């Protein structure tokens, strides 16, 4: 395991521990950004932990909770980290446990490594796109990184869709009319459609480990919300493509926002 890989994994666990400390004590400051999305002291603490850890890799970082770096500087980066230190802040505030830490390494606009950590359940997911391999570890409380990170028994795989029952993932916090229409159309084509509502990037995790068959998202979304999940899903054998063009989502664009997408089988 390279030091870069290890640094990112350890950063995710350390950030998750800090987030969980705030969550368990139910003691944090809550403010709102200009776009009316919530921001807590847990977000900021996790951001500090991750950015300080990843700075040692010498690879530049794009993070939701750091000052935006001008595109004139970013556009020449061959690789960068894309980080959401606390994905699912609404879920954190509502105390349903469905929040994650997201870290992705992107090269020339493509995610090649994705790490998603769910602090409350201590589930660690990561995918290496070059290896075409994705993994899941469920850690004991206080457990450090496992020695056998890439053991075959920890590999996860996308599901082969059942034509009779289609399991479709939707956001717990938001479902727009386009998603509703999409689901109605699916219901006409399949004997049964099971809707699974989850918060944050947990939806990518469920796709990667074969617990769901389709994840549509029609509204736009920020790059740090999808980069780690896309890498994880691609490593597990799935595609994450834009609804508009059918091309994979790309990263470190001038505007750090992506259009709607669908996650499904290759």
Protein backbone atom coordinates (compact mmCIF):
# COMPACT_ATOMS: atom_id res chain seq x y z
CA UNK A 1 0.00 0.00 0.00
CA UNK A 2 1.47 3.34 -1.02
CA UNK A 3 1.93 6.08 1.55
CA UNK A 4 -0.51 8.25 -0.44
CA UNK A 5 -3.21 5.60 -0.21
CA UNK A 6 -2.59 5.07 3.50
CA UNK A 7 -2.63 8.82 4.23
CA UNK A 8 -6.03 9.20 2.61
CA UNK A 9 -7.55 6.20 4.39
CA UNK A 10 -6.22 7.28 7.76
CA UNK A 11 -7.44 10.84 7.17
CA UNK A 12 -10.95 9.52 6.56
CA UNK A 13 -10.93 7.52 9.80
CA UNK A 14 -9.53 10.40 11.85
CA UNK A 15 -12.09 12.82 10.44
CA UNK A 16 -14.84 10.31 11.11
CA UNK A 17 -13.80 9.99 14.74
CA UNK A 18 -13.89 13.76 15.19
CA UNK A 19 -17.33 13.97 13.56
CA UNK A 20 -18.65 11.22 15.79
CA UNK A 21 -17.40 13.02 18.91
CA UNK A 22 -19.55 16.02 17.98
CA UNK A 23 -22.47 13.77 17.08
CA UNK A 24 -22.46 11.75 20.29
CA UNK A 25 -22.20 14.82 22.47
CA UNK A 26 -24.82 16.63 20.36
CA UNK A 27 -22.72 19.73 20.95
CA UNK A 28 -21.80 21.72 17.87
CA UNK A 29 -22.30 25.13 16.32
CA UNK A 30 -24.76 25.28 13.41
CA UNK A 31 -24.70 28.04 10.79
CA UNK A 32 -25.92 28.35 7.22
CA UNK A 33 -24.00 29.13 4.03
CA UNK A 34 -25.12 31.59 1.38
CA UNK A 35 -26.94 28.79 -0.47
CA UNK A 36 -28.87 27.99 2.72
CA UNK A 37 -27.11 24.65 3.27
CA UNK A 38 -26.09 23.84 6.86
CA UNK A 39 -22.54 24.04 8.15
CA UNK A 40 -21.45 22.71 11.54
CA UNK A 41 -18.32 22.80 13.61
CA UNK A 42 -18.03 19.06 12.82
CA UNK A 43 -17.67 19.90 9.10
CA UNK A 44 -14.90 22.36 9.86
CA UNK A 45 -13.03 20.10 12.26
CA UNK A 46 -13.11 17.22 9.77
CA UNK A 47 -11.92 19.53 7.01
CA UNK A 48 -8.91 20.63 9.05
CA UNK A 49 -7.95 17.03 9.84
CA UNK A 50 -8.21 15.88 6.22
CA UNK A 51 -6.53 18.85 4.55
CA UNK A 52 -3.61 18.78 6.98
CA UNK A 53 -3.13 15.03 6.44
CA UNK A 54 -3.39 15.20 2.66
CA UNK A 55 -1.11 18.24 2.42
CA UNK A 56 1.74 15.89 3.28
CA UNK A 57 1.18 14.04 -0.02
CA UNK A 58 2.09 17.16 -1.98
CA UNK A 59 -1.07 16.81 -4.09
CA UNK A 60 -3.34 19.89 -4.22
CA UNK A 61 -6.75 19.71 -2.56
CA UNK A 62 -10.25 20.84 -3.49
CA UNK A 63 -12.55 20.71 -0.47
CA UNK A 64 -16.09 21.87 0.10
CA UNK A 65 -15.13 23.66 3.28
CA UNK A 66 -11.94 25.39 2.06
CA UNK A 67 -11.61 28.59 0.10
CA UNK A 68 -12.26 28.02 -3.59
CA UNK A 69 -9.07 28.01 -5.66
CA UNK A 70 -9.25 30.01 -8.92
CA UNK A 71 -9.55 27.91 -12.07
CA UNK A 72 -6.56 29.74 -13.57
CA UNK A 73 -4.47 27.96 -10.96
CA UNK A 74 -6.37 24.65 -10.90
CA UNK A 75 -6.58 24.04 -14.63
CA UNK A 76 -2.96 22.93 -14.92
CA UNK A 77 -3.16 20.36 -12.14
CA UNK A 78 -2.52 16.84 -13.37
CA UNK A 79 -4.03 15.40 -10.21
CA UNK A 80 -5.84 16.60 -7.12
CA UNK A 81 -7.75 15.45 -4.08
CA UNK A 82 -11.47 16.22 -3.99
CA UNK A 83 -12.89 16.15 -0.49
CA UNK A 84 -16.22 16.42 1.27
CA UNK A 85 -15.26 16.27 4.94
CA UNK A 86 -18.87 15.73 6.06
CA UNK A 87 -21.27 14.66 3.34
CA UNK A 88 -24.85 14.68 4.57
CA UNK A 89 -24.75 17.56 7.03
CA UNK A 90 -28.57 17.62 6.95
CA UNK A 91 -28.54 13.97 8.03
CA UNK A 92 -26.02 14.79 10.75
CA UNK A 93 -28.24 17.57 12.09
CA UNK A 94 -31.39 15.44 11.89
CA UNK A 95 -29.48 12.67 13.70
CA UNK A 96 -30.35 9.77 11.41
CA UNK A 97 -26.72 8.65 11.11
CA UNK A 98 -26.57 8.76 7.30
CA UNK A 99 -23.51 10.96 6.90
CA UNK A 100 -20.09 10.16 5.46
CA UNK A 101 -16.53 11.31 4.87
CA UNK A 102 -15.63 11.43 1.16
CA UNK A 103 -12.09 11.54 -0.23
CA UNK A 104 -11.21 11.05 -3.90
CA UNK A 105 -8.01 11.26 -5.90
CA UNK A 106 -8.54 12.50 -9.45
CA UNK A 107 -6.07 12.44 -12.34
CA UNK A 108 -6.67 14.51 -15.44
CA UNK A 109 -10.30 14.96 -14.46
CA UNK A 110 -11.02 11.29 -13.72
CA UNK A 111 -11.45 9.78 -10.24
CA UNK A 112 -8.98 6.94 -9.69
CA UNK A 113 -9.32 6.36 -5.94
CA UNK A 114 -12.44 6.75 -3.85
CA UNK A 115 -12.83 6.47 -0.08
CA UNK A 116 -16.15 6.70 1.76
CA UNK A 117 -16.32 6.25 5.52
CA UNK A 118 -19.55 6.04 7.50
CA UNK A 119 -18.57 7.09 11.03
CA UNK A 120 -21.63 5.84 12.90
CA UNK A 121 -21.48 2.28 11.54
CA UNK A 122 -17.67 2.36 11.12
CA UNK A 123 -18.01 1.03 7.57
CA UNK A 124 -15.04 1.87 5.37
CA UNK A 125 -15.44 1.60 1.59
CA UNK A 126 -12.71 2.24 -0.94
CA UNK A 127 -12.20 1.57 -4.59
CA UNK A 128 -9.18 1.61 -6.88
CA UNK A 129 -10.28 2.20 -10.46
CA UNK A 130 -6.97 1.09 -11.99
CA UNK A 131 -7.14 -2.22 -10.12
CA UNK A 132 -10.87 -2.54 -10.89
CA UNK A 133 -11.36 -3.55 -7.26
CA UNK A 134 -13.55 -2.22 -4.47
CA UNK A 135 -13.48 -3.17 -0.80
CA UNK A 136 -15.47 -2.83 2.40
CA UNK A 137 -14.30 -3.16 6.00
CA UNK A 138 -16.46 -2.85 9.10
CA UNK A 139 -14.16 -1.70 11.89
CA UNK A 140 -14.44 -2.38 15.59
CA UNK A 141 -14.58 0.72 17.76
CA UNK A 142 -11.12 2.20 18.04
CA UNK A 143 -9.70 -0.20 15.45
CA UNK A 144 -6.91 1.19 13.29
CA UNK A 145 -6.59 0.51 9.58
CA UNK A 146 -6.72 -3.25 8.94
CA UNK A 147 -3.45 -4.91 7.95
CA UNK A 148 -5.08 -6.83 5.09
CA UNK A 149 -6.85 -4.00 3.31
CA UNK A 150 -6.95 -5.80 -0.03
CA UNK A 151 -7.88 -9.28 1.18
CA UNK A 152 -10.22 -11.09 -1.26
CA UNK A 153 -12.85 -11.63 1.43
CA UNK A 154 -13.31 -7.88 1.71
CA UNK A 155 -13.96 -7.27 -1.98
CA UNK A 156 -17.39 -6.04 -2.98
CA UNK A 157 -19.14 -6.30 -6.32
CA UNK A 158 -22.02 -4.62 -8.06
CA UNK A 159 -25.21 -6.64 -8.44
CA UNK A 160 -26.50 -8.24 -11.59
CA UNK A 161 -29.92 -6.67 -11.99
CA UNK A 162 -32.98 -8.79 -11.36
CA UNK A 163 -35.44 -8.12 -14.22
CA UNK A 164 -38.37 -8.74 -11.89
CA UNK A 165 -37.44 -6.51 -8.95
CA UNK A 166 -35.48 -3.33 -9.60
CA UNK A 167 -33.99 -1.67 -6.51
CA UNK A 168 -33.74 2.09 -7.06
CA UNK A 169 -31.92 4.53 -4.79
CA UNK A 170 -33.26 7.99 -4.04
CA UNK A 171 -32.18 10.82 -1.79
CA UNK A 172 -33.72 10.86 1.66
CA UNK A 173 -33.69 14.67 1.78
CA UNK A 174 -34.79 15.56 -1.74
CA UNK A 175 -36.75 14.02 -4.60
CA UNK A 176 -37.62 16.20 -7.59
CA UNK A 177 -40.45 15.78 -10.16
CA UNK A 178 -38.01 14.35 -12.73
CA UNK A 179 -37.05 11.56 -10.36
CA UNK A 180 -40.70 10.82 -9.63
CA UNK A 181 -41.46 10.63 -13.37
CA UNK A 182 -38.43 8.40 -13.93
CA UNK A 183 -39.63 6.00 -11.23
CA UNK A 184 -43.13 5.88 -12.67
CA UNK A 185 -41.66 4.94 -16.04
CA UNK A 186 -39.60 2.17 -14.42
CA UNK A 187 -42.72 0.85 -12.71
CA UNK A 188 -44.32 0.35 -16.11
CA UNK A 189 -41.36 -1.74 -17.31
CA UNK A 190 -40.69 -3.94 -14.29
CA UNK A 191 -42.83 -6.27 -12.24
CA UNK A 192 -41.73 -4.51 -9.07
CA UNK A 193 -39.66 -1.44 -8.24
CA UNK A 194 -38.29 -1.16 -4.72
CA UNK A 195 -37.42 2.38 -3.64
CA UNK A 196 -34.55 2.72 -1.18
CA UNK A 197 -34.15 6.16 0.41
CA UNK A 198 -30.74 7.04 1.84
CA UNK A 199 -28.77 10.16 2.65
CA UNK A 200 -25.32 11.29 1.51
CA UNK A 201 -22.91 9.13 -0.51
CA UNK A 202 -24.17 5.98 1.21
CA UNK A 203 -26.16 5.51 -2.01
CA UNK A 204 -22.92 4.96 -3.94
CA UNK A 205 -21.83 2.42 -1.31
CA UNK A 206 -25.03 0.42 -1.68
CA UNK A 207 -24.59 0.35 -5.44
CA UNK A 208 -20.97 -0.79 -5.16
CA UNK A 209 -21.76 -3.68 -2.80
CA UNK A 210 -24.69 -4.95 -4.81
CA UNK A 211 -27.53 -3.84 -2.53
CA UNK A 212 -29.18 -1.68 -5.21
CA UNK A 213 -29.46 -1.73 -9.00
CA UNK A 214 -29.94 1.87 -10.10
CA UNK A 215 -29.23 5.33 -8.71
CA UNK A 216 -30.60 8.28 -10.72
CA UNK A 217 -29.95 11.91 -9.83
CA UNK A 218 -31.51 14.59 -12.04
CA UNK A 219 -30.55 17.82 -10.26
CA UNK A 220 -27.06 19.27 -10.42
CA UNK A 221 -24.55 18.42 -7.73
CA UNK A 222 -21.11 19.53 -6.56
CA UNK A 223 -18.01 17.57 -7.55
CA UNK A 224 -17.07 16.71 -3.96
CA UNK A 225 -20.44 14.98 -3.55
CA UNK A 226 -19.72 12.45 -6.31
CA UNK A 227 -15.97 12.02 -6.87
CA UNK A 228 -15.34 9.36 -4.20
CA UNK A 229 -18.59 7.58 -4.99
CA UNK A 230 -17.86 7.48 -8.69
CA UNK A 231 -14.42 5.95 -8.11
CA UNK A 232 -15.89 3.37 -5.74
CA UNK A 233 -18.63 2.40 -8.17
CA UNK A 234 -16.36 2.26 -11.22
CA UNK A 235 -13.94 0.06 -9.27
CA UNK A 236 -16.88 -2.27 -8.51
CA UNK A 237 -17.83 -2.53 -12.19
CA UNK A 238 -20.47 0.20 -12.53
CA UNK A 239 -20.80 3.28 -14.69
CA UNK A 240 -21.50 6.80 -13.44
CA UNK A 241 -22.62 8.81 -16.46
CA UNK A 242 -24.31 12.13 -17.08
CA UNK A 243 -27.95 12.05 -18.07
CA UNK A 244 -27.31 14.61 -20.81
CA UNK A 245 -24.42 13.01 -22.70
CA UNK A 246 -23.97 9.51 -21.30
CA UNK A 247 -20.32 10.34 -20.63
CA UNK A 248 -18.64 9.80 -17.24
CA UNK A 249 -18.69 12.72 -14.82
CA UNK A 250 -15.49 14.76 -14.99
CA UNK A 251 -13.71 16.75 -12.29
CA UNK A 252 -11.72 19.89 -11.57
CA UNK A 253 -13.84 21.75 -14.10
CA UNK A 254 -14.08 25.53 -14.23
CA UNK A 255 -17.38 25.29 -12.40
CA UNK A 256 -17.14 22.67 -9.66
CA UNK A 257 -20.65 21.46 -10.37
CA UNK A 258 -21.92 18.46 -12.33
CA UNK A 259 -25.20 17.82 -14.07
CA UNK A 260 -27.55 14.96 -13.24
CA UNK A 261 -26.24 11.41 -13.52
CA UNK A 262 -27.19 7.75 -13.39
CA UNK A 263 -25.26 4.96 -11.68
CA UNK A 264 -25.84 1.54 -13.20
CA UNK A 265 -24.24 -1.55 -14.71
CA UNK A 266 -21.54 -1.20 -17.35
